Structures are given as C-alpha cells and as structure tokens.
Protein backbone atom coordinates (compact mmCIF):
# COMPACT_ATOMS: atom_id res chain seq x y z
CA MET A 1 -8.24 135.56 44.74
CA LYS A 2 -5.43 137.66 45.55
CA GLU A 3 -5.46 137.89 49.11
CA TYR A 4 -4.49 133.44 49.28
CA LYS A 5 -1.08 132.30 47.70
CA CYS A 6 -1.65 129.14 47.09
CA GLN A 7 0.48 126.02 45.45
CA LEU A 8 -0.83 123.95 42.95
CA GLN A 9 -0.23 120.14 44.00
CA GLN A 10 0.72 117.42 41.31
CA ASP A 11 -2.58 115.95 41.67
CA GLY A 12 -4.28 119.10 40.48
CA THR A 13 -5.32 120.65 43.83
CA ILE A 14 -4.59 123.63 45.41
CA THR A 15 -2.79 124.03 49.04
CA ILE A 16 -3.41 127.43 50.61
CA ILE A 17 -0.17 128.50 51.97
CA SER A 18 -1.09 131.91 53.25
CA TYR A 19 -3.77 134.45 53.62
CA GLN A 20 -3.07 138.53 53.58
CA GLY A 21 -6.77 139.04 54.24
CA THR A 22 -8.35 141.46 56.90
CA ASP A 23 -11.97 139.69 56.74
CA LYS A 24 -13.13 138.71 59.83
CA GLN A 25 -15.98 136.10 58.64
CA LEU A 26 -13.96 134.23 56.17
CA VAL A 27 -15.15 131.72 53.88
CA ILE A 28 -12.64 130.01 52.54
CA PRO A 29 -13.39 128.77 48.66
CA GLN A 30 -13.77 125.62 47.35
CA THR A 31 -11.91 126.13 44.01
CA ILE A 32 -8.71 128.86 42.92
CA ASP A 33 -8.42 129.58 39.29
CA SER A 34 -10.45 126.07 38.38
CA SER A 35 -8.29 124.30 40.77
CA PRO A 36 -9.95 122.20 44.36
CA VAL A 37 -8.72 123.26 47.35
CA SER A 38 -7.64 120.14 49.20
CA ARG A 39 -5.08 121.48 51.92
CA ILE A 40 -4.40 124.22 54.65
CA GLY A 41 -0.85 124.57 54.41
CA PRO A 42 1.55 125.07 57.35
CA TYR A 43 1.17 128.26 59.44
CA ALA A 44 -1.24 129.51 56.08
CA PHE A 45 -3.32 131.72 58.76
CA ASN A 46 -0.89 131.96 61.54
CA LYS A 47 -1.35 135.07 63.64
CA ASN A 48 -3.82 136.16 62.00
CA GLU A 49 -6.00 138.61 64.40
CA ASN A 50 -8.89 139.45 62.51
CA ILE A 51 -10.43 136.12 61.72
CA GLU A 52 -13.04 135.31 64.11
CA TYR A 53 -15.27 132.56 62.03
CA VAL A 54 -14.15 130.63 59.16
CA ILE A 55 -15.88 127.86 56.84
CA LEU A 56 -14.08 125.24 55.76
CA PRO A 57 -15.46 124.06 52.00
CA GLU A 58 -16.14 120.35 51.36
CA GLY A 59 -13.16 119.15 49.27
CA ILE A 60 -10.40 120.14 52.33
CA THR A 61 -8.82 117.10 53.67
CA VAL A 62 -5.96 118.11 55.36
CA ILE A 63 -5.59 120.83 57.74
CA GLU A 64 -1.61 120.72 58.43
CA ARG A 65 0.62 121.78 60.99
CA PHE A 66 0.01 125.08 62.87
CA ALA A 67 -2.38 126.19 59.93
CA PHE A 68 -4.41 128.20 62.66
CA LEU A 69 -2.18 128.59 65.00
CA SER A 70 -2.37 132.01 67.57
CA CYS A 71 -5.47 133.26 65.14
CA ILE A 72 -6.42 135.00 69.11
CA ASN A 73 -9.31 136.21 68.31
CA LEU A 74 -10.65 132.87 66.15
CA LYS A 75 -13.97 131.73 67.80
CA SER A 76 -15.47 129.28 65.41
CA ILE A 77 -14.28 127.39 62.32
CA ILE A 78 -16.55 124.55 60.77
CA LEU A 79 -15.00 121.85 59.06
CA PRO A 80 -16.10 120.03 56.35
CA ASN A 81 -16.88 116.43 56.43
CA SER A 82 -14.66 115.69 53.37
CA LEU A 83 -12.00 116.25 56.44
CA LYS A 84 -9.18 113.33 57.30
CA GLU A 85 -6.17 114.57 58.80
CA ILE A 86 -5.81 117.42 61.85
CA HIS A 87 -2.05 117.92 62.33
CA GLU A 88 0.10 119.23 65.12
CA GLY A 89 -0.57 122.72 66.48
CA ALA A 90 -3.59 123.00 63.79
CA PHE A 91 -5.55 125.27 66.11
CA SER A 92 -2.92 125.80 68.93
CA SER A 93 -3.39 128.81 70.93
CA CYS A 94 -6.89 130.19 69.41
CA GLU A 95 -7.59 131.81 72.65
CA GLN A 96 -10.97 132.45 71.88
CA LEU A 97 -12.17 129.29 70.14
CA GLU A 98 -15.29 127.60 71.87
CA ARG A 99 -16.42 124.47 70.84
CA ILE A 100 -15.62 122.76 67.80
CA LYS A 101 -17.33 119.66 65.69
CA ILE A 102 -14.63 117.56 64.70
CA PRO A 103 -16.00 115.14 61.22
CA GLU A 104 -16.34 111.78 60.62
CA GLY A 105 -13.81 109.54 59.21
CA ILE A 106 -10.88 111.50 61.42
CA THR A 107 -9.22 108.79 63.40
CA SER A 108 -6.25 110.66 65.36
CA ILE A 109 -6.25 114.00 66.89
CA GLU A 110 -1.83 114.68 66.12
CA LYS A 111 -0.02 116.59 69.38
CA MET A 112 -1.13 120.06 70.73
CA ALA A 113 -3.83 120.33 67.92
CA PHE A 114 -6.23 122.57 70.35
CA TYR A 115 -3.52 123.24 72.74
CA ARG A 116 -3.96 126.58 74.90
CA CYS A 117 -7.22 126.85 73.05
CA LEU A 118 -8.39 128.89 76.95
CA ALA A 119 -11.94 129.11 75.94
CA LEU A 120 -12.82 126.10 74.79
CA ARG A 121 -15.51 124.03 76.21
CA LYS A 122 -16.88 121.49 74.03
CA ILE A 123 -15.31 119.11 70.95
CA VAL A 124 -17.92 116.74 69.46
CA PHE A 125 -15.50 113.59 68.60
CA PRO A 126 -16.30 111.74 65.96
CA SER A 127 -17.21 108.21 66.10
CA THR A 128 -14.44 107.05 64.29
CA LEU A 129 -12.02 108.86 66.38
CA GLU A 130 -9.60 105.95 67.54
CA PHE A 131 -6.48 107.79 68.68
CA ILE A 132 -5.55 111.34 70.34
CA CYS A 133 -2.37 112.79 71.48
CA ILE A 134 -3.05 114.03 75.03
CA SER A 135 -1.26 117.07 74.72
CA ALA A 136 -4.09 117.89 71.64
CA ILE A 137 -6.49 119.52 74.33
CA GLY A 138 -3.78 120.53 76.78
CA GLU A 139 -4.11 123.87 78.97
CA CYS A 140 -7.54 123.62 77.86
CA GLU A 141 -8.92 124.53 81.48
CA HIS A 142 -12.58 124.73 80.52
CA LEU A 143 -12.74 122.08 78.27
CA GLU A 144 -15.77 120.24 79.35
CA THR A 145 -15.88 117.54 76.89
CA ARG A 146 -14.72 113.92 78.32
CA ILE A 147 -12.14 112.16 75.86
CA PRO A 148 -14.80 108.58 75.22
CA GLU A 149 -13.89 105.71 76.38
CA THR A 150 -13.12 104.10 73.16
CA VAL A 151 -10.27 106.93 71.99
CA ASN A 152 -6.80 105.77 72.94
CA ILE A 153 -4.76 108.20 74.41
CA ILE A 154 -1.08 108.82 73.66
CA TYR A 155 0.88 110.15 76.24
CA ASP A 156 2.94 112.83 74.47
CA PHE A 157 4.11 114.99 77.09
CA HIS A 158 4.29 115.60 80.93
CA GLU A 159 2.82 118.44 82.35
CA SER A 160 5.01 119.90 85.26
C-alpha cells in the first residue's frame, strides 16, 4: 500500500509511521504485505487536513503520541476493541471531532490525548478506565460528558 509508510516490528507486526493519501474516509487495513497492523506510530497522520472519518481495524493495540495531531477536519474515528493504549496527544487539536467511544480494556488516558478538541461533546468512557490526566480533555469547551467518579484524575498541568 503505497500511501502508507510502515515499519516492521520484531514481533512481525506493522507500525504505520505515516500516511501520504488524500482520502476523506479512511479504513486502515488490518494487514499490510501480509503482516498485521498493530500500532499507529507517532505523528503518523499529523496535520492531515483531508481525513474526516477513520476506522481502525481490530488488531491495533496502540495509538502512539500525537498520531492524529491537528487533523482539523477529523469528525469521527472508530476505535477497535483490541486497543490497549492511547498515548500523549493522540488526538490533540482534532477540532471537528465530536464524539468518541473508548473501548473496554483501556485503563488510562494520557495527557493531552483529546486536548483542544473544540467540537468534542461526548466521550464514552470504558468501565475499565482507572486514570485520566486532566489535560487529556483540556480546552474541550463543549464536552458534556463527566469523568466517572471511579476514575482517578491526575492533575498534570495548571490552567491559567
């Protein structure tokens, strides 16, 4: 798949390290060159202004830091049940993202994961969530969802 730049990991899985395509609707493949895709690498889709809708396949376990940073037209992303980690700033400044469902199995959401997602109204948190950094949802002015009382909040920065 020529629009993806990938890295083969020691365990035989693929990390997508960049995307050069122009699709508005993107269904990320479950395999590339017969190897399963397991990770979205750091900055892989950074500042892609074309993407509006993304579906991540089962098998993806990690979305690395700033993977979708400043995808300003991203409105919707479907996360797989296999997802285990959402790293720092993964969806930061995705200004059109309106709603996201975090799959069961996620136990923490790192700092700035959804920071400055200005249109974000609803996050469906999993029952497995134990920790969230307060900056994960910083500057999400329209967020109607409350962090469940059972979740420990980590105050990782001070807003002025």
